[in-house]
Amino acid sequence: MAHFEKVPQWILQHGAQLNLTSRPVLRMAATAMVALVLLMTCNLFFASSKASTFSDRIEYALPLSTHPVRPAPEYDYTPPKDLHLPRPPGNGIASESRIGKISILFNGKDPTLVRALQSHEAHNRKWGYPLLILRHGLLDGGNLDGIWNKPAYILAALLEEMRKPERDRLQWLFWHDADTVLLNPLIPLSLFVPPSTHSHIHILLTADPHGLNNGVFFLRVHPWSISLLTAVLAFPTYNPTTALEYRDQSALALVLNTTSYYRKHHLLVPQRWFNAYAGELEDAWMHNFQVRRGDLLVHFAGVREREPVMEPWLKRAEGRAEVGQWEVEVQRTSLEGEVQKFWKQEEEKLAKEKEAADGVGQDATGLLGKVEGWVTEYKGKVAVEEEEKVKGATGTLKEAVEEKEDAETLQELMAEVVKVGVAAASAYRVLVELNKRALHRDAHAAIVDAERLVLDINMTKKPELAQMLQSMLEKLRELLARDPDNVAVIKTCTEDLRKETKEFAVKVKMN
């Protein structure tokens, strides 16, 4: 029960960081988030009371030699009692940056995929990477098909890591599909993670000619990542009419481009870094996404007949073909220089974006001042719903300026402020026009009443009274013709004329 009591505290602690109510997509995902947290809670803390538990479905293997993966009919792992990722003594950069690998393999009878997974063993052992493997579906019987087990499993791993003290957590998860073959175990994964200048980047992805590919990617252990995967899992439920050509991959691409909350924290990097595709090695016209000697791995995305295509690459990984040509020290590859050059360019790009954002931020601050002045001046003179829309848009823009959002986001929010401001101003103008017309009708009615009284006064032979009233109504008639928009003066003159007409009418009756 002590462990169970920690869960609400975790939700409260990280709920503010997730900011679930500040973005439409996050509000959409809140229900799924709570459901998944509860699912994890039940599985993690009450495993001993259930025959089939969360721990039955996942493997924590470090290195793979601890639990050998062989071409066998089934995996025969015995999950450790503690669901925490093991922390090996390890050596090298990765053991310090705390990177863990995560993958999925339901079909343990497929020797090709088993061998592909086994190709990672030397890499894991050298750099001390924990490996998490999902063997069975987490979403069996739900409204999402098997492919959605991938984001669900990664989310489960993130939740498990986030409940630990920060000093004990992994910093990054490295997802790789089962159809990846590790070719060069001498390349540390830490080579690719963002430098301190890009601590705001929480996911590193690559794109192929068809768009974003999530077959291999880095994901930071962070509340933002939990929010992202929650939104991805919720996407098909809350957007049932949206076509998802590549299912979870398409949902991920769409969510990442919904708001600045997601846009500014992800980055596409060169595909060859860690998600290269196979190609003809001796082809002089190789594409920049095709694997070269010394690269980390090769990914067989979308390949239907895997065995004949993957076999020559598995032999290379197993040291049974082209021995010594693929295990290349990182210093002898082009990767270090390419990575350094990339992050240097990104740093320069970030500086330019900040400069642009500062300029737009000043414009936004000026706009906020004008709109807030308008709201103060016309408070109570426009419809309440229009006023609330303006206040909501300006509040969001003010928050974005304070958080130093990028120029694109600020411009979008400024456009929204102008949009609702124009709508409110239009509504106000319509209201003013209606009020003006009503006032004009009232003024003309007052003139007609005064003219009738003038005729009655003349009949009583009181010319001095008739002359005074005639002068007042002529003044009002001239004002309506000369300055029809001067509603304040027209209103005053109309009220004065009505008052005098009423008083003169009494005097006429008395005489």
Protein backbone atom coordinates (compact mmCIF):
# COMPACT_ATOMS: atom_id res chain seq x y z
CA MET A 1 0.00 0.00 0.00
CA ALA A 2 2.96 2.32 0.62
CA HIS A 3 3.93 2.10 -3.05
CA PHE A 4 0.36 2.71 -4.15
CA GLU A 5 0.18 5.92 -2.13
CA LYS A 6 3.10 7.31 -4.11
CA VAL A 7 1.21 7.26 -7.38
CA PRO A 8 -1.17 10.20 -6.74
CA GLN A 9 1.81 12.18 -5.50
CA TRP A 10 3.65 11.42 -8.74
CA ILE A 11 0.66 12.56 -10.77
CA LEU A 12 0.43 15.80 -8.79
CA GLN A 13 4.16 16.40 -9.02
CA HIS A 14 4.43 15.95 -12.77
CA GLY A 15 0.95 17.06 -13.79
CA ALA A 16 2.04 20.69 -13.70
CA GLN A 17 5.02 19.90 -15.87
CA LEU A 18 2.84 18.04 -18.36
CA ASN A 19 0.56 21.11 -18.48
CA LEU A 20 -2.33 18.93 -19.60
CA THR A 21 -4.84 21.77 -19.88
CA SER A 22 -2.76 24.33 -21.73
CA ARG A 23 -2.95 22.81 -25.18
CA PRO A 24 -5.93 21.33 -27.06
CA VAL A 25 -4.12 18.12 -27.95
CA LEU A 26 -3.08 17.63 -24.32
CA ARG A 27 -6.62 18.15 -23.09
CA MET A 28 -7.66 15.55 -25.63
CA ALA A 29 -5.10 13.10 -24.22
CA ALA A 30 -5.86 13.59 -20.53
CA THR A 31 -8.32 10.70 -20.35
CA ALA A 32 -5.90 8.25 -21.95
CA MET A 33 -3.12 9.49 -19.68
CA VAL A 34 -5.06 8.76 -16.51
CA ALA A 35 -6.14 5.35 -17.80
CA LEU A 36 -2.58 4.34 -18.66
CA VAL A 37 -1.22 5.55 -15.33
CA LEU A 38 -3.85 3.47 -13.54
CA LEU A 39 -3.00 0.48 -15.73
CA MET A 40 0.68 0.84 -14.87
CA THR A 41 -0.17 1.25 -11.20
CA CYS A 42 -2.14 -1.96 -11.05
CA ASN A 43 0.44 -3.94 -12.97
CA LEU A 44 3.50 -2.59 -11.19
CA PHE A 45 2.29 -2.60 -7.60
CA PHE A 46 -0.09 -5.53 -7.46
CA ALA A 47 1.75 -8.01 -9.67
CA SER A 48 1.98 -10.57 -6.88
CA SER A 49 -1.81 -10.96 -6.69
CA LYS A 50 -2.44 -11.64 -10.39
CA ALA A 51 -1.65 -14.67 -12.52
CA SER A 52 -0.77 -12.60 -15.60
CA THR A 53 1.16 -9.44 -14.77
CA PHE A 54 2.93 -6.63 -16.52
CA SER A 55 6.26 -8.23 -15.62
CA ASP A 56 5.24 -11.37 -17.52
CA ARG A 57 5.12 -9.33 -20.70
CA ILE A 58 8.51 -7.57 -20.65
CA GLU A 59 12.15 -8.48 -20.41
CA TYR A 60 15.02 -6.58 -18.83
CA ALA A 61 18.21 -8.05 -20.24
CA LEU A 62 21.71 -6.71 -19.69
CA PRO A 63 23.68 -7.69 -21.56
CA LEU A 64 22.02 -10.16 -23.89
CA SER A 65 24.60 -12.77 -22.93
CA THR A 66 22.94 -12.87 -19.50
CA HIS A 67 19.79 -14.20 -21.19
CA PRO A 68 21.08 -15.67 -24.47
CA VAL A 69 18.92 -15.05 -27.51
CA ARG A 70 19.13 -18.02 -29.85
CA PRO A 71 17.08 -19.13 -32.84
CA ALA A 72 14.67 -21.12 -30.68
CA PRO A 73 10.93 -21.80 -30.81
CA GLU A 74 10.23 -19.41 -27.92
CA TYR A 75 11.98 -17.04 -25.60
CA ASP A 76 12.50 -18.63 -22.24
CA TYR A 77 13.42 -15.67 -20.09
CA THR A 78 12.73 -15.48 -16.37
CA PRO A 79 11.91 -11.85 -15.59
CA PRO A 80 13.78 -10.48 -12.58
CA LYS A 81 11.71 -9.77 -9.48
CA ASP A 82 12.65 -6.10 -9.49
CA LEU A 83 11.14 -4.23 -12.42
CA HIS A 84 13.77 -1.49 -12.18
CA LEU A 85 16.23 -1.46 -15.05
CA PRO A 86 19.50 -3.00 -13.91
CA ARG A 87 22.36 -0.54 -13.59
CA PRO A 88 25.56 -2.22 -14.81
CA PRO A 89 29.01 -1.06 -13.84
CA GLY A 90 29.63 -0.56 -17.57
CA ASN A 91 32.32 1.54 -19.13
CA GLY A 92 32.57 4.26 -21.72
CA ILE A 93 30.40 7.30 -22.34
CA ALA A 94 27.01 5.61 -22.43
CA SER A 95 27.17 4.25 -18.89
CA GLU A 96 27.50 7.85 -17.67
CA SER A 97 24.78 9.33 -19.87
CA ARG A 98 22.45 6.47 -18.87
CA ILE A 99 20.98 5.35 -22.17
CA GLY A 100 18.76 2.29 -22.32
CA LYS A 101 17.60 0.33 -25.36
CA ILE A 102 14.02 -0.76 -25.90
CA SER A 103 12.48 -2.99 -28.55
CA ILE A 104 9.65 -5.41 -29.24
CA LEU A 105 9.58 -8.94 -30.62
CA PHE A 106 6.38 -10.96 -30.49
CA ASN A 107 7.46 -13.63 -32.96
CA GLY A 108 10.16 -15.57 -31.14
CA LYS A 109 9.97 -18.29 -33.78
CA ASP A 110 11.39 -16.05 -36.51
CA PRO A 111 15.15 -16.83 -36.54
CA THR A 112 15.88 -13.80 -38.73
CA LEU A 113 14.46 -11.35 -36.19
CA VAL A 114 16.04 -13.24 -33.29
CA ARG A 115 19.44 -13.00 -34.96
CA ALA A 116 18.82 -9.31 -35.66
CA LEU A 117 18.15 -8.71 -31.99
CA GLN A 118 21.21 -10.79 -31.10
CA SER A 119 23.36 -8.51 -33.28
CA HIS A 120 22.95 -5.81 -30.61
CA GLU A 121 24.51 -7.97 -27.90
CA ALA A 122 28.15 -6.92 -28.33
CA HIS A 123 27.11 -3.26 -28.49
CA ASN A 124 25.07 -3.55 -25.29
CA ARG A 125 27.87 -5.37 -23.49
CA LYS A 126 30.59 -2.93 -24.55
CA TRP A 127 28.74 0.24 -23.56
CA GLY A 128 26.60 -1.11 -20.71
CA TYR A 129 23.17 -0.58 -22.27
CA PRO A 130 20.16 -2.15 -20.56
CA LEU A 131 17.75 -3.76 -23.03
CA LEU A 132 13.97 -3.92 -22.59
CA ILE A 133 12.06 -6.35 -24.79
CA LEU A 134 8.28 -6.65 -25.02
CA ARG A 135 7.18 -10.20 -25.91
CA HIS A 136 3.38 -9.97 -25.76
CA GLY A 137 0.75 -7.35 -26.48
CA LEU A 138 -0.24 -4.79 -23.86
CA LEU A 139 -3.38 -3.75 -25.75
CA ASP A 140 -4.93 -7.15 -26.41
CA GLY A 141 -8.69 -6.83 -26.80
CA GLY A 142 -8.64 -3.01 -26.90
CA ASN A 143 -9.73 -0.66 -29.65
CA LEU A 144 -6.13 -0.29 -30.92
CA ASP A 145 -4.48 -3.00 -33.00
CA GLY A 146 -1.10 -4.60 -32.35
CA ILE A 147 1.05 -1.87 -33.89
CA TRP A 148 -0.01 0.51 -31.10
CA ASN A 149 1.75 -1.73 -28.55
CA LYS A 150 4.91 0.14 -29.51
CA PRO A 151 4.01 3.61 -28.13
CA ALA A 152 2.13 1.95 -25.24
CA TYR A 153 5.22 -0.03 -24.24
CA ILE A 154 7.53 2.98 -24.50
CA LEU A 155 5.08 4.95 -22.36
CA ALA A 156 5.04 2.14 -19.81
CA ALA A 157 8.86 2.21 -19.66
CA LEU A 158 8.85 6.00 -19.25
CA LEU A 159 6.36 5.83 -16.41
CA GLU A 160 8.46 3.17 -14.71
CA GLU A 161 11.58 5.32 -15.01
CA MET A 162 9.85 8.53 -13.88
CA ARG A 163 8.68 6.96 -10.61
CA LYS A 164 12.32 6.46 -9.58
CA PRO A 165 14.49 9.13 -7.94
CA GLU A 166 16.08 11.28 -10.63
CA ARG A 167 19.58 10.02 -9.80
CA ASP A 168 18.50 6.45 -10.57
CA ARG A 169 16.69 7.11 -13.84
CA LEU A 170 17.83 6.52 -17.37
CA GLN A 171 18.27 9.77 -19.27
CA TRP A 172 17.42 8.46 -22.73
CA LEU A 173 15.58 5.53 -24.29
CA PHE A 174 16.84 4.30 -27.67
CA TRP A 175 14.03 2.56 -29.52
CA HIS A 176 14.92 0.20 -32.36
CA ASP A 177 12.52 -2.00 -34.32
CA ALA A 178 13.16 -5.74 -34.38
CA ASP A 179 14.24 -5.54 -38.03
CA THR A 180 17.44 -3.59 -37.30
CA VAL A 181 20.90 -5.15 -37.53
CA LEU A 182 23.68 -3.62 -35.42
CA LEU A 183 26.77 -3.44 -37.64
CA ASN A 184 29.33 -1.44 -35.69
CA PRO A 185 29.37 -1.97 -31.90
CA LEU A 186 32.23 0.51 -31.57
CA ILE A 187 29.89 3.49 -32.05
CA PRO A 188 28.51 4.79 -28.70
CA LEU A 189 24.91 6.03 -28.74
CA SER A 190 25.94 9.05 -26.71
CA LEU A 191 27.63 10.35 -29.87
CA PHE A 192 24.21 11.33 -31.20
CA VAL A 193 22.39 12.79 -28.17
CA PRO A 194 21.92 16.58 -28.13
CA PRO A 195 24.63 18.71 -26.49
CA SER A 196 23.83 21.00 -23.56
CA THR A 197 22.99 23.84 -25.95
CA HIS A 198 19.98 21.79 -27.05
CA SER A 199 18.70 20.54 -23.70
CA HIS A 200 15.20 21.47 -24.88
CA ILE A 201 15.26 18.69 -27.50
CA HIS A 202 13.50 15.63 -26.11
CA ILE A 203 13.19 13.38 -29.16
CA LEU A 204 15.58 12.76 -32.07
CA LEU A 205 13.97 11.35 -35.20
CA THR A 206 14.82 10.78 -38.83
CA ALA A 207 12.81 11.02 -42.02
CA ASP A 208 12.99 9.00 -45.21
CA PRO A 209 11.55 9.92 -48.65
CA HIS A 210 8.09 8.95 -47.36
CA GLY A 211 8.28 11.23 -44.33
CA LEU A 212 9.01 10.71 -40.66
CA ASN A 213 10.17 7.21 -39.71
CA ASN A 214 9.93 6.05 -36.09
CA GLY A 215 11.69 2.71 -36.56
CA VAL A 216 14.72 3.98 -34.64
CA PHE A 217 14.80 7.08 -32.44
CA PHE A 218 16.00 8.61 -29.18
CA LEU A 219 13.49 9.72 -26.53
CA ARG A 220 14.46 11.62 -23.40
CA VAL A 221 13.10 10.35 -20.08
CA HIS A 222 11.06 13.45 -19.31
CA PRO A 223 7.45 14.49 -18.54
CA TRP A 224 7.22 15.96 -22.06
CA SER A 225 7.83 12.51 -23.54
CA ILE A 226 5.02 11.04 -21.45
CA SER A 227 2.73 13.79 -22.69
CA LEU A 228 3.75 13.10 -26.29
CA LEU A 229 3.10 9.37 -26.21
CA THR A 230 -0.18 9.87 -24.35
CA ALA A 231 -1.33 12.21 -27.12
CA VAL A 232 -0.20 9.71 -29.79
CA LEU A 233 -2.14 6.86 -28.17
CA ALA A 234 -5.22 9.06 -27.78
CA PHE A 235 -5.07 10.38 -31.34
CA PRO A 236 -7.12 7.69 -33.17
CA THR A 237 -9.81 7.80 -30.47
CA TYR A 238 -10.26 11.57 -30.60
CA ASN A 239 -9.67 11.86 -34.37
CA PRO A 240 -11.51 8.83 -35.79
CA THR A 241 -11.94 10.40 -39.24
CA THR A 242 -8.26 11.26 -39.70
CA ALA A 243 -6.50 8.88 -42.09
CA LEU A 244 -3.34 7.39 -40.55
CA GLU A 245 -1.44 5.79 -43.43
CA TYR A 246 1.33 4.50 -41.17
CA ARG A 247 -0.81 4.28 -38.01
CA ASP A 248 1.24 5.15 -34.90
CA GLN A 249 3.98 6.67 -37.05
CA SER A 250 1.51 8.99 -38.80
CA ALA A 251 -0.11 9.88 -35.48
CA LEU A 252 3.30 10.79 -34.07
CA ALA A 253 4.06 13.02 -37.07
CA LEU A 254 0.70 14.80 -36.74
CA VAL A 255 0.97 15.34 -32.99
CA LEU A 256 4.52 16.70 -33.26
CA ASN A 257 3.24 19.45 -35.56
CA THR A 258 0.08 20.43 -33.69
CA THR A 259 1.44 23.10 -31.32
CA SER A 260 4.70 24.72 -30.34
CA TYR A 261 4.63 22.61 -27.17
CA TYR A 262 5.55 19.65 -29.35
CA ARG A 263 7.22 21.38 -32.31
CA LYS A 264 9.99 23.07 -30.38
CA HIS A 265 11.10 19.93 -28.54
CA HIS A 266 11.71 17.54 -31.44
CA LEU A 267 14.39 17.50 -34.11
CA LEU A 268 15.06 15.59 -37.32
CA VAL A 269 18.67 14.49 -37.72
CA PRO A 270 20.48 12.86 -40.68
CA GLN A 271 19.02 9.40 -41.26
CA ARG A 272 22.37 7.67 -41.63
CA TRP A 273 23.31 8.43 -38.04
CA PHE A 274 21.23 5.63 -36.54
CA ASN A 275 18.46 4.66 -38.99
CA ALA A 276 20.21 3.90 -42.28
CA TYR A 277 18.61 1.73 -44.97
CA ALA A 278 20.33 -0.94 -47.02
CA GLY A 279 21.72 -0.16 -50.45
CA GLU A 280 24.30 -1.24 -53.00
CA LEU A 281 27.60 -0.62 -51.24
CA GLU A 282 29.62 -0.14 -54.38
CA ASP A 283 27.06 2.14 -56.03
CA ALA A 284 28.63 5.53 -56.75
CA TRP A 285 25.18 7.10 -56.60
CA MET A 286 24.29 6.01 -53.06
CA HIS A 287 21.62 8.06 -51.36
CA ASN A 288 22.49 9.85 -48.14
CA PHE A 289 20.09 7.60 -46.20
CA GLN A 290 21.86 4.39 -47.23
CA VAL A 291 24.27 2.60 -44.91
CA ARG A 292 28.03 2.85 -45.35
CA ARG A 293 30.88 0.90 -43.79
CA GLY A 294 31.45 2.02 -40.23
CA ASP A 295 27.81 3.10 -39.69
CA LEU A 296 25.94 2.02 -36.56
CA LEU A 297 23.14 -0.13 -37.96
CA VAL A 298 20.89 -0.90 -40.91
CA HIS A 299 17.09 -0.87 -40.73
CA PHE A 300 14.88 -2.92 -43.06
CA ALA A 301 11.74 -0.79 -42.86
CA GLY A 302 8.83 -2.06 -44.91
CA VAL A 303 10.67 -5.15 -46.21
CA ARG A 304 8.15 -8.01 -46.55
CA GLU A 305 10.47 -10.92 -47.39
CA ARG A 306 13.00 -10.27 -44.64
CA GLU A 307 15.10 -13.43 -44.65
CA PRO A 308 16.81 -13.18 -48.09
CA VAL A 309 17.27 -9.41 -47.76
CA MET A 310 18.59 -9.40 -44.19
CA GLU A 311 20.76 -12.56 -44.47
CA PRO A 312 23.88 -10.92 -45.99
CA TRP A 313 23.70 -8.13 -43.39
CA LEU A 314 23.30 -10.58 -40.54
CA LYS A 315 26.41 -12.40 -41.75
CA ARG A 316 28.32 -9.11 -41.71
CA ALA A 317 27.12 -8.40 -38.17
CA GLU A 318 28.01 -11.92 -37.02
CA GLY A 319 31.52 -11.64 -38.49
CA ARG A 320 30.92 -14.30 -41.12
CA ALA A 321 31.29 -11.95 -44.09
CA GLU A 322 33.55 -8.97 -44.88
CA VAL A 323 35.31 -9.47 -41.55
CA GLY A 324 36.84 -6.30 -40.12
CA GLN A 325 35.20 -3.99 -42.65
CA TRP A 326 32.24 -2.94 -40.49
CA GLU A 327 33.61 -2.70 -36.96
CA VAL A 328 35.39 0.61 -37.30
CA GLU A 329 36.54 2.84 -34.44
CA VAL A 330 34.40 5.98 -34.32
CA GLN A 331 37.50 8.16 -34.84
CA ARG A 332 38.07 6.48 -38.21
CA THR A 333 34.54 7.14 -39.44
CA SER A 334 33.02 10.36 -40.74
CA LEU A 335 30.35 10.29 -38.05
CA GLU A 336 32.12 12.36 -35.40
CA GLY A 337 32.79 15.20 -37.82
CA GLU A 338 29.27 15.02 -39.28
CA VAL A 339 27.65 15.09 -35.83
CA GLN A 340 29.78 17.99 -34.63
CA LYS A 341 29.09 19.96 -37.80
CA PHE A 342 25.36 19.30 -37.51
CA TRP A 343 25.10 20.52 -33.91
CA LYS A 344 27.24 23.55 -34.72
CA GLN A 345 24.84 24.50 -37.52
CA GLU A 346 21.88 23.88 -35.24
CA GLU A 347 23.45 26.13 -32.60
CA GLU A 348 23.83 28.93 -35.15
CA LYS A 349 20.27 28.35 -36.32
CA LEU A 350 19.05 28.50 -32.72
CA ALA A 351 20.80 31.85 -32.21
CA LYS A 352 19.11 33.29 -35.33
CA GLU A 353 15.73 31.96 -34.21
CA LYS A 354 16.21 33.57 -30.80
CA GLU A 355 17.06 36.88 -32.42
CA ALA A 356 13.96 36.65 -34.62
CA ALA A 357 11.83 35.65 -31.63
CA ASP A 358 13.10 38.66 -29.64
CA GLY A 359 12.03 40.99 -32.46
CA VAL A 360 8.61 39.39 -32.78
CA GLY A 361 8.34 39.41 -28.98
CA GLN A 362 8.69 43.20 -28.99
CA ASP A 363 5.95 43.46 -31.62
CA ALA A 364 3.77 41.15 -29.56
CA THR A 365 4.31 43.26 -26.44
CA GLY A 366 3.27 46.37 -28.37
CA LEU A 367 0.14 44.63 -29.66
CA LEU A 368 -0.74 43.49 -26.14
CA GLY A 369 -0.53 47.08 -24.90
CA LYS A 370 -2.89 48.31 -27.62
CA VAL A 371 -5.42 45.54 -27.15
CA GLU A 372 -5.42 45.81 -23.36
CA GLY A 373 -6.01 49.55 -23.74
CA TRP A 374 -8.92 48.84 -26.07
CA VAL A 375 -10.38 46.31 -23.61
CA THR A 376 -10.19 48.87 -20.79
CA GLU A 377 -11.77 51.63 -22.89
CA TYR A 378 -14.66 49.53 -24.14
CA LYS A 379 -15.21 47.39 -21.05
CA GLY A 380 -18.92 46.80 -20.64
CA LYS A 381 -19.67 48.22 -24.09
CA VAL A 382 -19.23 44.96 -26.03
CA ALA A 383 -20.79 41.53 -25.62
CA VAL A 384 -19.34 39.56 -22.70
CA GLU A 385 -18.44 36.56 -24.90
CA GLU A 386 -16.49 38.80 -27.30
CA GLU A 387 -14.62 40.41 -24.43
CA GLU A 388 -13.74 36.98 -22.98
CA LYS A 389 -12.37 35.81 -26.34
CA VAL A 390 -10.08 38.84 -26.52
CA LYS A 391 -8.92 38.31 -22.93
CA GLY A 392 -8.24 34.62 -23.59
CA ALA A 393 -6.20 35.27 -26.74
CA THR A 394 -4.18 38.08 -25.14
CA GLY A 395 -3.54 35.91 -22.07
CA THR A 396 -2.15 33.10 -24.22
CA LEU A 397 0.04 35.54 -26.16
CA LYS A 398 1.31 37.16 -22.96
CA GLU A 399 2.25 33.72 -21.58
CA ALA A 400 4.07 32.86 -24.83
CA VAL A 401 6.05 36.12 -24.69
CA GLU A 402 7.06 35.44 -21.09
CA GLU A 403 8.13 31.90 -22.01
CA LYS A 404 10.13 33.25 -24.98
CA GLU A 405 8.39 31.06 -27.55
CA ASP A 406 9.74 30.93 -31.10
CA ALA A 407 8.89 33.57 -33.68
CA GLU A 408 6.48 31.32 -35.60
CA THR A 409 4.43 30.58 -32.50
CA LEU A 410 4.31 34.24 -31.46
CA GLN A 411 3.17 35.26 -34.94
CA GLU A 412 0.41 32.63 -34.86
CA LEU A 413 -0.79 33.86 -31.48
CA MET A 414 -0.60 37.51 -32.57
CA ALA A 415 -2.75 36.64 -35.57
CA GLU A 416 -5.29 35.05 -33.24
CA VAL A 417 -5.35 38.16 -31.03
CA VAL A 418 -5.92 40.36 -34.08
CA LYS A 419 -8.64 37.98 -35.31
CA VAL A 420 -10.67 38.02 -32.09
CA GLY A 421 -9.95 41.73 -31.65
CA VAL A 422 -11.32 42.52 -35.09
CA ALA A 423 -14.35 40.33 -34.38
CA ALA A 424 -14.98 42.15 -31.11
CA ALA A 425 -14.48 45.53 -32.76
CA SER A 426 -16.87 44.55 -35.55
CA ALA A 427 -19.43 43.46 -33.00
CA TYR A 428 -18.94 46.75 -31.20
CA ARG A 429 -19.36 48.73 -34.42
CA VAL A 430 -22.56 46.85 -35.19
CA LEU A 431 -23.83 47.62 -31.70
CA VAL A 432 -22.88 51.28 -32.07
CA GLU A 433 -24.62 51.47 -35.43
CA LEU A 434 -27.79 49.93 -34.02
CA ASN A 435 -27.72 52.34 -31.09
CA LYS A 436 -27.15 55.28 -33.43
CA ARG A 437 -30.12 54.33 -35.60
CA ALA A 438 -32.34 53.99 -32.55
CA LEU A 439 -31.18 57.38 -31.31
CA HIS A 440 -31.88 58.99 -34.70
CA ARG A 441 -35.38 57.53 -34.72
CA ASP A 442 -35.96 58.92 -31.22
CA ALA A 443 -34.62 62.35 -32.25
CA HIS A 444 -36.91 62.53 -35.31
CA ALA A 445 -39.87 61.48 -33.15
CA ALA A 446 -39.02 64.27 -30.69
CA ILE A 447 -38.90 66.79 -33.56
CA VAL A 448 -42.33 65.67 -34.84
CA ASP A 449 -43.86 66.00 -31.36
CA ALA A 450 -42.31 69.45 -30.97
CA GLU A 451 -43.64 70.62 -34.36
CA ARG A 452 -47.18 69.56 -33.43
CA LEU A 453 -46.92 71.52 -30.19
CA VAL A 454 -45.66 74.58 -32.08
CA LEU A 455 -48.88 74.53 -34.15
CA ASP A 456 -50.97 74.25 -30.98
CA ILE A 457 -49.09 77.17 -29.38
CA ASN A 458 -49.63 79.39 -32.44
CA MET A 459 -53.35 78.71 -32.18
CA THR A 460 -53.28 79.98 -28.57
CA LYS A 461 -51.50 83.11 -29.74
CA LYS A 462 -48.34 82.53 -27.66
CA PRO A 463 -45.65 83.29 -30.30
CA GLU A 464 -42.79 83.62 -27.81
CA LEU A 465 -43.25 80.03 -26.64
CA ALA A 466 -43.60 78.77 -30.22
CA GLN A 467 -40.39 80.57 -31.24
CA MET A 468 -38.37 79.03 -28.39
CA LEU A 469 -39.53 75.52 -29.18
CA GLN A 470 -39.04 76.02 -32.92
CA SER A 471 -35.46 77.13 -32.29
CA MET A 472 -34.70 73.97 -30.29
CA LEU A 473 -36.13 71.55 -32.84
CA GLU A 474 -34.35 73.31 -35.73
CA LYS A 475 -31.06 72.96 -33.84
CA LEU A 476 -31.63 69.21 -33.42
CA ARG A 477 -32.66 68.78 -37.06
CA GLU A 478 -29.51 70.63 -38.22
CA LEU A 479 -27.33 68.51 -35.92
CA LEU A 480 -28.76 65.26 -37.39
CA ALA A 481 -27.98 66.49 -40.89
CA ARG A 482 -24.54 67.95 -40.17
CA ASP A 483 -23.05 65.51 -37.60
CA PRO A 484 -25.10 62.27 -37.43
CA ASP A 485 -22.31 60.33 -35.65
CA ASN A 486 -22.14 62.74 -32.72
CA VAL A 487 -24.41 60.52 -30.68
CA ALA A 488 -23.63 62.13 -27.34
CA VAL A 489 -24.71 65.64 -28.42
CA ILE A 490 -27.70 64.28 -30.36
CA LYS A 491 -28.83 62.38 -27.28
CA THR A 492 -28.49 65.51 -25.08
CA CYS A 493 -30.37 67.73 -27.55
CA THR A 494 -33.12 65.12 -27.92
CA GLU A 495 -33.57 64.88 -24.16
CA ASP A 496 -33.65 68.71 -23.84
CA LEU A 497 -36.22 69.00 -26.64
CA ARG A 498 -38.46 66.36 -25.06
CA LYS A 499 -38.21 68.09 -21.69
CA GLU A 500 -39.12 71.52 -23.12
CA THR A 501 -41.92 70.04 -25.22
CA LYS A 502 -43.45 68.46 -22.14
CA GLU A 503 -43.18 71.72 -20.12
CA PHE A 504 -44.60 73.87 -22.93
CA ALA A 505 -47.48 71.44 -23.37
CA VAL A 506 -48.42 71.97 -19.71
CA LYS A 507 -48.34 75.79 -20.10
CA VAL A 508 -50.57 75.60 -23.19
CA LYS A 509 -53.17 73.57 -21.29
CA MET A 510 -53.07 76.02 -18.38
CA ASN A 511 -53.88 78.89 -20.74
